[in-house]
PDB file of all heavy atoms in Angstrom:
ATOM      1  N   CYS A   1     -31.991-239.499 151.861  1.00  0.00           N
ATOM      2  CA  CYS A   1     -33.021-238.740 151.221  1.00  0.00           C
ATOM      3  C   CYS A   1     -34.247-239.722 151.046  1.00  0.00           C
ATOM      4  O   CYS A   1     -34.069-240.710 150.319  1.00  0.00           O
ATOM      5  CB  CYS A   1     -32.584-238.232 149.861  1.00  0.00           C
ATOM      6  SG  CYS A   1     -33.902-237.499 148.859  1.00  0.00           S
ATOM      7  N   VAL A   2     -35.313-239.398 151.704  1.00  0.00           N
ATOM      8  CA  VAL A   2     -36.523-240.213 151.600  1.00  0.00           C
ATOM      9  C   VAL A   2     -37.399-239.596 150.617  1.00  0.00           C
ATOM     10  O   VAL A   2     -37.754-238.378 150.728  1.00  0.00           O
ATOM     11  CB  VAL A   2     -37.243-240.362 152.963  1.00  0.00           C
ATOM     12  CG1 VAL A   2     -38.486-241.247 152.746  1.00  0.00           C
ATOM     13  CG2 VAL A   2     -36.297-241.011 153.993  1.00  0.00           C
ATOM     14  N   ALA A   3     -37.830-240.392 149.570  1.00  0.00           N
ATOM     15  CA  ALA A   3     -38.640-239.862 148.448  1.00  0.00           C
ATOM     16  C   ALA A   3     -40.014-240.367 148.533  1.00  0.00           C
ATOM     17  O   ALA A   3     -40.292-241.503 149.025  1.00  0.00           O
ATOM     18  CB  ALA A   3     -38.010-240.254 147.164  1.00  0.00           C
ATOM     19  N   SER A   4     -40.939-239.571 148.068  1.00  0.00           N
ATOM     20  CA  SER A   4     -42.355-239.986 147.983  1.00  0.00           C
ATOM     21  C   SER A   4     -43.036-239.220 146.845  1.00  0.00           C
ATOM     22  O   SER A   4     -42.558-238.232 146.360  1.00  0.00           O
ATOM     23  CB  SER A   4     -43.076-239.728 149.285  1.00  0.00           C
ATOM     24  OG  SER A   4     -43.047-238.412 149.698  1.00  0.00           O
ATOM     25  N   GLY A   5     -44.192-239.690 146.408  1.00  0.00           N
ATOM     26  CA  GLY A   5     -44.991-239.077 145.390  1.00  0.00           C
ATOM     27  C   GLY A   5     -44.651-239.423 143.944  1.00  0.00           C
ATOM     28  O   GLY A   5     -45.223-238.893 143.038  1.00  0.00           O
ATOM     29  N   PHE A   6     -43.762-240.352 143.807  1.00  0.00           N
ATOM     30  CA  PHE A   6     -43.418-240.849 142.432  1.00  0.00           C
ATOM     31  C   PHE A   6     -42.825-242.268 142.551  1.00  0.00           C
ATOM     32  O   PHE A   6     -42.508-242.735 143.681  1.00  0.00           O
ATOM     33  CB  PHE A   6     -42.424-239.917 141.742  1.00  0.00           C
ATOM     34  CG  PHE A   6     -41.058-239.829 142.402  1.00  0.00           C
ATOM     35  CD1 PHE A   6     -39.990-240.514 141.900  1.00  0.00           C
ATOM     36  CD2 PHE A   6     -40.880-238.991 143.503  1.00  0.00           C
ATOM     37  CE1 PHE A   6     -38.709-240.414 142.512  1.00  0.00           C
ATOM     38  CE2 PHE A   6     -39.629-238.887 144.135  1.00  0.00           C
ATOM     39  CZ  PHE A   6     -38.552-239.599 143.621  1.00  0.00           C
ATOM     40  N   ILE A   7     -42.707-242.917 141.390  1.00  0.00           N
ATOM     41  CA  ILE A   7     -42.180-244.274 141.373  1.00  0.00           C
ATOM     42  C   ILE A   7     -40.714-244.260 141.432  1.00  0.00           C
ATOM     43  O   ILE A   7     -39.994-244.221 140.405  1.00  0.00           O
ATOM     44  CB  ILE A   7     -42.683-245.071 140.170  1.00  0.00           C
ATOM     45  CG1 ILE A   7     -44.232-245.058 140.072  1.00  0.00           C
ATOM     46  CG2 ILE A   7     -42.234-246.557 140.211  1.00  0.00           C
ATOM     47  CD1 ILE A   7     -44.824-245.605 138.763  1.00  0.00           C
ATOM     48  N   PHE A   8     -40.147-244.305 142.642  1.00  0.00           N
ATOM     49  CA  PHE A   8     -38.783-244.123 142.928  1.00  0.00           C
ATOM     50  C   PHE A   8     -37.853-244.964 142.091  1.00  0.00           C
ATOM     51  O   PHE A   8     -36.859-244.482 141.499  1.00  0.00           O
ATOM     52  CB  PHE A   8     -38.509-244.326 144.402  1.00  0.00           C
ATOM     53  CG  PHE A   8     -37.054-244.179 144.895  1.00  0.00           C
ATOM     54  CD1 PHE A   8     -36.576-242.880 145.105  1.00  0.00           C
ATOM     55  CD2 PHE A   8     -36.247-245.273 145.050  1.00  0.00           C
ATOM     56  CE1 PHE A   8     -35.239-242.720 145.547  1.00  0.00           C
ATOM     57  CE2 PHE A   8     -34.980-245.087 145.497  1.00  0.00           C
ATOM     58  CZ  PHE A   8     -34.444-243.849 145.755  1.00  0.00           C
ATOM     59  N   ARG A   9     -38.169-246.202 141.974  1.00  0.00           N
ATOM     60  CA  ARG A   9     -37.240-247.190 141.354  1.00  0.00           C
ATOM     61  C   ARG A   9     -36.992-246.927 139.905  1.00  0.00           C
ATOM     62  O   ARG A   9     -35.960-247.462 139.379  1.00  0.00           O
ATOM     63  CB  ARG A   9     -37.743-248.618 141.546  1.00  0.00           C
ATOM     64  CG  ARG A   9     -39.136-248.873 140.921  1.00  0.00           C
ATOM     65  CD  ARG A   9     -39.575-250.329 141.179  1.00  0.00           C
ATOM     66  NE  ARG A   9     -40.957-250.511 140.713  1.00  0.00           N
ATOM     67  CZ  ARG A   9     -41.335-250.667 139.499  1.00  0.00           C
ATOM     68  NH1 ARG A   9     -40.461-250.760 138.498  1.00  0.00           N
ATOM     69  NH2 ARG A   9     -42.624-250.808 139.161  1.00  0.00           N
ATOM     70  N   ILE A  10     -37.825-246.212 139.212  1.00  0.00           N
ATOM     71  CA  ILE A  10     -37.595-246.031 137.748  1.00  0.00           C
ATOM     72  C   ILE A  10     -36.897-244.703 137.423  1.00  0.00           C
ATOM     73  O   ILE A  10     -36.621-244.475 136.230  1.00  0.00           O
ATOM     74  CB  ILE A  10     -38.905-246.081 136.988  1.00  0.00           C
ATOM     75  CG1 ILE A  10     -39.831-244.855 137.276  1.00  0.00           C
ATOM     76  CG2 ILE A  10     -39.616-247.406 137.291  1.00  0.00           C
ATOM     77  CD1 ILE A  10     -41.056-244.895 136.389  1.00  0.00           C
ATOM     78  N   TYR A  11     -36.528-243.908 138.394  1.00  0.00           N
ATOM     79  CA  TYR A  11     -35.905-242.620 138.183  1.00  0.00           C
ATOM     80  C   TYR A  11     -34.445-242.609 138.618  1.00  0.00           C
ATOM     81  O   TYR A  11     -34.049-243.096 139.647  1.00  0.00           O
ATOM     82  CB  TYR A  11     -36.653-241.495 138.875  1.00  0.00           C
ATOM     83  CG  TYR A  11     -37.934-241.092 138.268  1.00  0.00           C
ATOM     84  CD1 TYR A  11     -39.133-241.766 138.645  1.00  0.00           C
ATOM     85  CD2 TYR A  11     -38.028-240.133 137.221  1.00  0.00           C
ATOM     86  CE1 TYR A  11     -40.318-241.436 138.015  1.00  0.00           C
ATOM     87  CE2 TYR A  11     -39.199-239.831 136.656  1.00  0.00           C
ATOM     88  CZ  TYR A  11     -40.363-240.503 137.025  1.00  0.00           C
ATOM     89  OH  TYR A  11     -41.553-240.198 136.457  1.00  0.00           O
ATOM     90  N   SER A  12     -33.625-241.923 137.785  1.00  0.00           N
ATOM     91  CA  SER A  12     -32.264-241.576 138.240  1.00  0.00           C
ATOM     92  C   SER A  12     -32.380-240.541 139.275  1.00  0.00           C
ATOM     93  O   SER A  12     -33.282-239.733 139.309  1.00  0.00           O
ATOM     94  CB  SER A  12     -31.483-241.039 137.068  1.00  0.00           C
ATOM     95  OG  SER A  12     -31.293-241.997 136.080  1.00  0.00           O
ATOM     96  N   MET A  13     -31.443-240.659 140.244  1.00  0.00           N
ATOM     97  CA  MET A  13     -31.385-239.688 141.384  1.00  0.00           C
ATOM     98  C   MET A  13     -30.025-239.087 141.512  1.00  0.00           C
ATOM     99  O   MET A  13     -29.023-239.697 141.059  1.00  0.00           O
ATOM    100  CB  MET A  13     -31.731-240.411 142.708  1.00  0.00           C
ATOM    101  CG  MET A  13     -33.075-241.130 142.682  1.00  0.00           C
ATOM    102  SD  MET A  13     -34.410-239.960 142.775  1.00  0.00           S
ATOM    103  CE  MET A  13     -34.136-239.090 144.321  1.00  0.00           C
ATOM    104  N   GLY A  14     -29.937-237.917 142.164  1.00  0.00           N
ATOM    105  CA  GLY A  14     -28.688-237.283 142.332  1.00  0.00           C
ATOM    106  C   GLY A  14     -28.538-236.523 143.624  1.00  0.00           C
ATOM    107  O   GLY A  14     -29.547-236.240 144.294  1.00  0.00           O
ATOM    108  N   TRP A  15     -27.291-236.321 144.027  1.00  0.00           N
ATOM    109  CA  TRP A  15     -26.978-235.456 145.149  1.00  0.00           C
ATOM    110  C   TRP A  15     -26.186-234.302 144.539  1.00  0.00           C
ATOM    111  O   TRP A  15     -25.249-234.426 143.788  1.00  0.00           O
ATOM    112  CB  TRP A  15     -26.046-236.134 146.148  1.00  0.00           C
ATOM    113  CG  TRP A  15     -26.806-237.134 147.038  1.00  0.00           C
ATOM    114  CD1 TRP A  15     -26.808-238.491 146.919  1.00  0.00           C
ATOM    115  CD2 TRP A  15     -27.540-236.842 148.183  1.00  0.00           C
ATOM    116  NE1 TRP A  15     -27.550-239.060 147.955  1.00  0.00           N
ATOM    117  CE2 TRP A  15     -27.995-238.041 148.729  1.00  0.00           C
ATOM    118  CE3 TRP A  15     -27.840-235.609 148.833  1.00  0.00           C
ATOM    119  CZ2 TRP A  15     -28.819-238.107 149.891  1.00  0.00           C
ATOM    120  CZ3 TRP A  15     -28.676-235.670 149.989  1.00  0.00           C
ATOM    121  CH2 TRP A  15     -29.128-236.921 150.513  1.00  0.00           C
ATOM    122  N   TYR A  16     -26.626-233.104 145.009  1.00  0.00           N
ATOM    123  CA  TYR A  16     -25.933-231.859 144.632  1.00  0.00           C
ATOM    124  C   TYR A  16     -25.521-231.163 145.934  1.00  0.00           C
ATOM    125  O   TYR A  16     -26.026-231.458 146.993  1.00  0.00           O
ATOM    126  CB  TYR A  16     -26.863-230.934 143.806  1.00  0.00           C
ATOM    127  CG  TYR A  16     -27.108-231.297 142.397  1.00  0.00           C
ATOM    128  CD1 TYR A  16     -27.824-232.455 142.086  1.00  0.00           C
ATOM    129  CD2 TYR A  16     -26.591-230.515 141.374  1.00  0.00           C
ATOM    130  CE1 TYR A  16     -28.055-232.823 140.779  1.00  0.00           C
ATOM    131  CE2 TYR A  16     -26.786-230.867 140.035  1.00  0.00           C
ATOM    132  CZ  TYR A  16     -27.483-232.025 139.755  1.00  0.00           C
ATOM    133  OH  TYR A  16     -27.713-232.381 138.420  1.00  0.00           O
ATOM    134  N   ARG A  17     -24.677-230.157 145.754  1.00  0.00           N
ATOM    135  CA  ARG A  17     -24.288-229.334 146.924  1.00  0.00           C
ATOM    136  C   ARG A  17     -24.027-227.901 146.459  1.00  0.00           C
ATOM    137  O   ARG A  17     -23.719-227.639 145.310  1.00  0.00           O
ATOM    138  CB  ARG A  17     -23.030-229.906 147.608  1.00  0.00           C
ATOM    139  CG  ARG A  17     -21.758-229.828 146.807  1.00  0.00           C
ATOM    140  CD  ARG A  17     -20.604-230.527 147.502  1.00  0.00           C
ATOM    141  NE  ARG A  17     -19.351-230.430 146.813  1.00  0.00           N
ATOM    142  CZ  ARG A  17     -18.246-231.037 147.159  1.00  0.00           C
ATOM    143  NH1 ARG A  17     -18.254-231.855 148.227  1.00  0.00           N
ATOM    144  NH2 ARG A  17     -17.146-230.938 146.378  1.00  0.00           N
ATOM    145  N   GLN A  18     -24.239-227.041 147.464  1.00  0.00           N
ATOM    146  CA  GLN A  18     -24.037-225.627 147.211  1.00  0.00           C
ATOM    147  C   GLN A  18     -23.279-224.990 148.374  1.00  0.00           C
ATOM    148  O   GLN A  18     -23.840-224.990 149.514  1.00  0.00           O
ATOM    149  CB  GLN A  18     -25.331-224.891 146.921  1.00  0.00           C
ATOM    150  CG  GLN A  18     -25.137-223.491 146.478  1.00  0.00           C
ATOM    151  CD  GLN A  18     -26.385-222.863 145.858  1.00  0.00           C
ATOM    152  OE1 GLN A  18     -27.495-223.353 146.069  1.00  0.00           O
ATOM    153  NE2 GLN A  18     -26.264-221.824 145.106  1.00  0.00           N
ATOM    154  N   ALA A  19     -22.146-224.511 148.107  1.00  0.00           N
ATOM    155  CA  ALA A  19     -21.356-223.803 149.126  1.00  0.00           C
ATOM    156  C   ALA A  19     -21.636-222.329 149.069  1.00  0.00           C
ATOM    157  O   ALA A  19     -22.066-221.812 148.050  1.00  0.00           O
ATOM    158  CB  ALA A  19     -19.861-224.103 148.932  1.00  0.00           C
ATOM    159  N   PRO A  20     -21.423-221.628 150.183  1.00  0.00           N
ATOM    160  CA  PRO A  20     -21.693-220.154 150.176  1.00  0.00           C
ATOM    161  C   PRO A  20     -20.937-219.395 149.048  1.00  0.00           C
ATOM    162  O   PRO A  20     -19.775-219.637 148.868  1.00  0.00           O
ATOM    163  CB  PRO A  20     -21.179-219.690 151.560  1.00  0.00           C
ATOM    164  CG  PRO A  20     -21.302-220.926 152.380  1.00  0.00           C
ATOM    165  CD  PRO A  20     -20.961-222.067 151.492  1.00  0.00           C
ATOM    166  N   GLY A  21     -21.723-218.657 148.279  1.00  0.00           N
ATOM    167  CA  GLY A  21     -21.117-217.924 147.200  1.00  0.00           C
ATOM    168  C   GLY A  21     -20.790-218.656 145.963  1.00  0.00           C
ATOM    169  O   GLY A  21     -20.213-218.153 145.028  1.00  0.00           O
ATOM    170  N   LYS A  22     -21.171-219.930 145.913  1.00  0.00           N
ATOM    171  CA  LYS A  22     -20.862-220.754 144.774  1.00  0.00           C
ATOM    172  C   LYS A  22     -22.130-221.382 144.151  1.00  0.00           C
ATOM    173  O   LYS A  22     -23.197-221.403 144.796  1.00  0.00           O
ATOM    174  CB  LYS A  22     -19.900-221.918 145.162  1.00  0.00           C
ATOM    175  CG  LYS A  22     -18.535-221.478 145.666  1.00  0.00           C
ATOM    176  CD  LYS A  22     -17.646-222.625 145.795  1.00  0.00           C
ATOM    177  CE  LYS A  22     -16.219-222.211 146.155  1.00  0.00           C
ATOM    178  NZ  LYS A  22     -15.251-223.343 146.325  1.00  0.00           N
ATOM    179  N   GLN A  23     -21.985-221.808 142.866  1.00  0.00           N
ATOM    180  CA  GLN A  23     -23.123-222.442 142.230  1.00  0.00           C
ATOM    181  C   GLN A  23     -23.353-223.815 142.747  1.00  0.00           C
ATOM    182  O   GLN A  23     -22.429-224.461 143.225  1.00  0.00           O
ATOM    183  CB  GLN A  23     -22.872-222.464 140.729  1.00  0.00           C
ATOM    184  CG  GLN A  23     -22.944-221.156 140.032  1.00  0.00           C
ATOM    185  CD  GLN A  23     -22.848-221.265 138.506  1.00  0.00           C
ATOM    186  OE1 GLN A  23     -22.263-222.147 137.980  1.00  0.00           O
ATOM    187  NE2 GLN A  23     -23.521-220.335 137.846  1.00  0.00           N
ATOM    188  N   ARG A  24     -24.574-224.278 142.606  1.00  0.00           N
ATOM    189  CA  ARG A  24     -24.919-225.651 142.967  1.00  0.00           C
ATOM    190  C   ARG A  24     -24.243-226.567 142.011  1.00  0.00           C
ATOM    191  O   ARG A  24     -24.219-226.294 140.810  1.00  0.00           O
ATOM    192  CB  ARG A  24     -26.425-225.836 142.908  1.00  0.00           C
ATOM    193  CG  ARG A  24     -26.879-227.099 143.628  1.00  0.00           C
ATOM    194  CD  ARG A  24     -28.421-227.138 143.784  1.00  0.00           C
ATOM    195  NE  ARG A  24     -28.925-226.036 144.675  1.00  0.00           N
ATOM    196  CZ  ARG A  24     -30.128-225.932 145.079  1.00  0.00           C
ATOM    197  NH1 ARG A  24     -31.067-226.853 144.751  1.00  0.00           N
ATOM    198  NH2 ARG A  24     -30.521-224.924 145.879  1.00  0.00           N
ATOM    199  N   GLU A  25     -23.636-227.626 142.528  1.00  0.00           N
ATOM    200  CA  GLU A  25     -22.883-228.596 141.701  1.00  0.00           C
ATOM    201  C   GLU A  25     -23.249-229.988 141.926  1.00  0.00           C
ATOM    202  O   GLU A  25     -23.693-230.366 143.034  1.00  0.00           O
ATOM    203  CB  GLU A  25     -21.373-228.432 141.872  1.00  0.00           C
ATOM    204  CG  GLU A  25     -20.934-228.737 143.240  1.00  0.00           C
ATOM    205  CD  GLU A  25     -19.395-228.704 143.449  1.00  0.00           C
ATOM    206  OE1 GLU A  25     -18.632-228.418 142.452  1.00  0.00           O
ATOM    207  OE2 GLU A  25     -18.901-228.936 144.547  1.00  0.00           O
ATOM    208  N   LEU A  26     -23.174-230.811 140.885  1.00  0.00           N
ATOM    209  CA  LEU A  26     -23.471-232.293 141.027  1.00  0.00           C
ATOM    210  C   LEU A  26     -22.315-232.964 141.797  1.00  0.00           C
ATOM    211  O   LEU A  26     -21.161-232.721 141.496  1.00  0.00           O
ATOM    212  CB  LEU A  26     -23.589-232.886 139.641  1.00  0.00           C
ATOM    213  CG  LEU A  26     -23.727-234.406 139.603  1.00  0.00           C
ATOM    214  CD1 LEU A  26     -25.094-234.808 140.224  1.00  0.00           C
ATOM    215  CD2 LEU A  26     -23.634-234.960 138.223  1.00  0.00           C
ATOM    216  N   VAL A  27     -22.714-233.724 142.811  1.00  0.00           N
ATOM    217  CA  VAL A  27     -21.763-234.518 143.604  1.00  0.00           C
ATOM    218  C   VAL A  27     -21.711-235.930 143.061  1.00  0.00           C
ATOM    219  O   VAL A  27     -20.668-236.451 142.851  1.00  0.00           O
ATOM    220  CB  VAL A  27     -22.163-234.516 145.090  1.00  0.00           C
ATOM    221  CG1 VAL A  27     -21.254-235.332 145.917  1.00  0.00           C
ATOM    222  CG2 VAL A  27     -22.154-233.044 145.615  1.00  0.00           C
ATOM    223  N   ALA A  28     -22.960-236.529 142.972  1.00  0.00           N
ATOM    224  CA  ALA A  28     -23.009-237.879 142.550  1.00  0.00           C
ATOM    225  C   ALA A  28     -24.378-238.218 142.052  1.00  0.00           C
ATOM    226  O   ALA A  28     -25.371-237.558 142.450  1.00  0.00           O
ATOM    227  CB  ALA A  28     -22.708-238.906 143.715  1.00  0.00           C
ATOM    228  N   ALA A  29     -24.459-239.184 141.164  1.00  0.00           N
ATOM    229  CA  ALA A  29     -25.780-239.587 140.533  1.00  0.00           C
ATOM    230  C   ALA A  29     -25.863-241.063 140.440  1.00  0.00           C
ATOM    231  O   ALA A  29     -24.806-241.760 140.339  1.00  0.00           O
ATOM    232  CB  ALA A  29     -26.023-238.902 139.261  1.00  0.00           C
ATOM    233  N   ILE A  30     -27.033-241.616 140.454  1.00  0.00           N
ATOM    234  CA  ILE A  30     -27.226-243.054 140.243  1.00  0.00           C
ATOM    235  C   ILE A  30     -28.446-243.300 139.401  1.00  0.00           C
ATOM    236  O   ILE A  30     -29.515-242.623 139.600  1.00  0.00           O
ATOM    237  CB  ILE A  30     -27.385-243.737 141.719  1.00  0.00           C
ATOM    238  CG1 ILE A  30     -27.448-245.216 141.490  1.00  0.00           C
ATOM    239  CG2 ILE A  30     -28.573-243.168 142.451  1.00  0.00           C
ATOM    240  CD1 ILE A  30     -27.234-245.961 142.850  1.00  0.00           C
ATOM    241  N   SER A  31     -28.308-244.169 138.390  1.00  0.00           N
ATOM    242  CA  SER A  31     -29.398-244.431 137.571  1.00  0.00           C
ATOM    243  C   SER A  31     -30.413-245.383 138.164  1.00  0.00           C
ATOM    244  O   SER A  31     -30.127-245.978 139.174  1.00  0.00           O
ATOM    245  CB  SER A  31     -28.904-245.012 136.191  1.00  0.00           C
ATOM    246  OG  SER A  31     -28.390-246.311 136.401  1.00  0.00           O
ATOM    247  N   SER A  32     -31.486-245.624 137.477  1.00  0.00           N
ATOM    248  CA  SER A  32     -32.519-246.652 137.930  1.00  0.00           C
ATOM    249  C   SER A  32     -31.871-248.047 138.009  1.00  0.00           C
ATOM    250  O   SER A  32     -32.297-248.855 138.857  1.00  0.00           O
ATOM    251  CB  SER A  32     -33.728-246.589 137.068  1.00  0.00           C
ATOM    252  OG  SER A  32     -33.393-246.863 135.724  1.00  0.00           O
ATOM    253  N   GLU A  33     -30.862-248.269 137.157  1.00  0.00           N
ATOM    254  CA  GLU A  33     -30.203-249.572 137.111  1.00  0.00           C
ATOM    255  C   GLU A  33     -29.106-249.687 138.131  1.00  0.00           C
ATOM    256  O   GLU A  33     -28.500-250.721 138.230  1.00  0.00           O
ATOM    257  CB  GLU A  33     -29.702-249.872 135.680  1.00  0.00           C
ATOM    258  CG  GLU A  33     -30.733-250.014 134.665  1.00  0.00           C
ATOM    259  CD  GLU A  33     -31.148-248.700 134.038  1.00  0.00           C
ATOM    260  OE1 GLU A  33     -30.535-247.692 134.351  1.00  0.00           O
ATOM    261  OE2 GLU A  33     -32.157-248.662 133.272  1.00  0.00           O
ATOM    262  N   GLY A  34     -28.702-248.551 138.740  1.00  0.00           N
ATOM    263  CA  GLY A  34     -27.670-248.572 139.727  1.00  0.00           C
ATOM    264  C   GLY A  34     -26.308-248.071 139.206  1.00  0.00           C
ATOM    265  O   GLY A  34     -25.317-248.170 139.940  1.00  0.00           O
ATOM    266  N   THR A  35     -26.255-247.632 137.986  1.00  0.00           N
ATOM    267  CA  THR A  35     -24.990-247.048 137.452  1.00  0.00           C
ATOM    268  C   THR A  35     -24.734-245.722 138.159  1.00  0.00           C
ATOM    269  O   THR A  35     -25.617-244.849 138.288  1.00  0.00           O
ATOM    270  CB  THR A  35     -25.121-246.796 135.955  1.00  0.00           C
ATOM    271  OG1 THR A  35     -25.373-248.081 135.266  1.00  0.00           O
ATOM    272  CG2 THR A  35     -23.776-246.247 135.354  1.00  0.00           C
ATOM    273  N   THR A  36     -23.465-245.557 138.593  1.00  0.00           N
ATOM    274  CA  THR A  36     -23.135-244.352 139.366  1.00  0.00           C
ATOM    275  C   THR A  36     -22.121-243.490 138.585  1.00  0.00           C
ATOM    276  O   THR A  36     -21.364-243.987 137.771  1.00  0.00           O
ATOM    277  CB  THR A  36     -22.550-244.718 140.718  1.00  0.00           C
ATOM    278  OG1 THR A  36     -21.369-245.563 140.531  1.00  0.00           O
ATOM    279  CG2 THR A  36     -23.582-245.500 141.537  1.00  0.00           C
ATOM    280  N   ASN A  37     -22.156-242.218 138.955  1.00  0.00           N
ATOM    281  CA  ASN A  37     -21.040-241.301 138.502  1.00  0.00           C
ATOM    282  C   ASN A  37     -20.844-240.275 139.568  1.00  0.00           C
ATOM    283  O   ASN A  37     -21.798-239.902 140.301  1.00  0.00           O
ATOM    284  CB  ASN A  37     -21.350-240.759 137.107  1.00  0.00           C
ATOM    285  CG  ASN A  37     -22.496-239.780 137.088  1.00  0.00           C
ATOM    286  OD1 ASN A  37     -22.348-238.622 137.447  1.00  0.00           O
ATOM    287  ND2 ASN A  37     -23.615-240.257 136.685  1.00  0.00           N
ATOM    288  N   TYR A  38     -19.628-239.794 139.600  1.00  0.00           N
ATOM    289  CA  TYR A  38     -19.216-238.863 140.699  1.00  0.00           C
ATOM    290  C   TYR A  38     -18.425-237.655 140.111  1.00  0.00           C
ATOM    291  O   TYR A  38     -17.754-237.764 139.110  1.00  0.00           O
ATOM    292  CB  TYR A  38     -18.288-239.608 141.662  1.00  0.00           C
ATOM    293  CG  TYR A  38     -18.943-240.741 142.314  1.00  0.00           C
ATOM    294  CD1 TYR A  38     -18.876-242.036 141.797  1.00  0.00           C
ATOM    295  CD2 TYR A  38     -19.562-240.569 143.584  1.00  0.00           C
ATOM    296  CE1 TYR A  38     -19.486-243.123 142.504  1.00  0.00           C
ATOM    297  CE2 TYR A  38     -20.197-241.640 144.206  1.00  0.00           C
ATOM    298  CZ  TYR A  38     -20.120-242.920 143.671  1.00  0.00           C
ATOM    299  OH  TYR A  38     -20.718-243.955 144.306  1.00  0.00           O
ATOM    300  N   ALA A  39     -18.566-236.569 140.823  1.00  0.00           N
ATOM    301  CA  ALA A  39     -17.679-235.461 140.560  1.00  0.00           C
ATOM    302  C   ALA A  39     -16.308-235.861 140.852  1.00  0.00           C
ATOM    303  O   ALA A  39     -15.989-236.625 141.766  1.00  0.00           O
ATOM    304  CB  ALA A  39     -18.108-234.238 141.431  1.00  0.00           C
ATOM    305  N   ASP A  40     -15.288-235.328 140.107  1.00  0.00           N
ATOM    306  CA  ASP A  40     -13.871-235.688 140.310  1.00  0.00           C
ATOM    307  C   ASP A  40     -13.432-235.389 141.733  1.00  0.00           C
ATOM    308  O   ASP A  40     -12.646-236.105 142.270  1.00  0.00           O
ATOM    309  CB  ASP A  40     -13.026-234.966 139.331  1.00  0.00           C
ATOM    310  CG  ASP A  40     -13.071-235.499 137.879  1.00  0.00           C
ATOM    311  OD1 ASP A  40     -13.617-236.613 137.730  1.00  0.00           O
ATOM    312  OD2 ASP A  40     -12.711-234.763 137.011  1.00  0.00           O
ATOM    313  N   SER A  41     -13.954-234.336 142.312  1.00  0.00           N
ATOM    314  CA  SER A  41     -13.551-233.878 143.636  1.00  0.00           C
ATOM    315  C   SER A  41     -13.945-234.879 144.770  1.00  0.00           C
ATOM    316  O   SER A  41     -13.417-234.754 145.868  1.00  0.00           O
ATOM    317  CB  SER A  41     -14.156-232.541 143.967  1.00  0.00           C
ATOM    318  OG  SER A  41     -15.550-232.543 143.904  1.00  0.00           O
ATOM    319  N   VAL A  42     -14.897-235.780 144.488  1.00  0.00           N
ATOM    320  CA  VAL A  42     -15.325-236.706 145.551  1.00  0.00           C
ATOM    321  C   VAL A  42     -15.052-238.149 145.210  1.00  0.00           C
ATOM    322  O   VAL A  42     -15.346-239.054 146.048  1.00  0.00           O
ATOM    323  CB  VAL A  42     -16.791-236.498 145.886  1.00  0.00           C
ATOM    324  CG1 VAL A  42     -17.119-235.017 146.203  1.00  0.00           C
ATOM    325  CG2 VAL A  42     -17.707-236.969 144.751  1.00  0.00           C
ATOM    326  N   LYS A  43     -14.545-238.439 144.061  1.00  0.00           N
ATOM    327  CA  LYS A  43     -14.292-239.852 143.633  1.00  0.00           C
ATOM    328  C   LYS A  43     -13.368-240.515 144.657  1.00  0.00           C
ATOM    329  O   LYS A  43     -12.357-239.913 145.055  1.00  0.00           O
ATOM    330  CB  LYS A  43     -13.658-239.878 142.252  1.00  0.00           C
ATOM    331  CG  LYS A  43     -14.632-239.729 141.136  1.00  0.00           C
ATOM    332  CD  LYS A  43     -13.964-239.810 139.761  1.00  0.00           C
ATOM    333  CE  LYS A  43     -14.971-239.629 138.661  1.00  0.00           C
ATOM    334  NZ  LYS A  43     -14.360-239.612 137.300  1.00  0.00           N
ATOM    335  N   GLY A  44     -13.711-241.715 145.035  1.00  0.00           N
ATOM    336  CA  GLY A  44     -12.893-242.471 146.023  1.00  0.00           C
ATOM    337  C   GLY A  44     -13.277-242.150 147.458  1.00  0.00           C
ATOM    338  O   GLY A  44     -12.770-242.819 148.396  1.00  0.00           O
TER     339      GLY A  44
END
């Protein structure tokens, strides 16, 4: 994901996904400091 139009390094970022017929869900996120968290379904 290439970002532009804001100061990328100071913002937390995330990946979400949406399967057909389902709600959009968080897959993984990363803070500006590099701390990460994951949905249980994708951990590891």
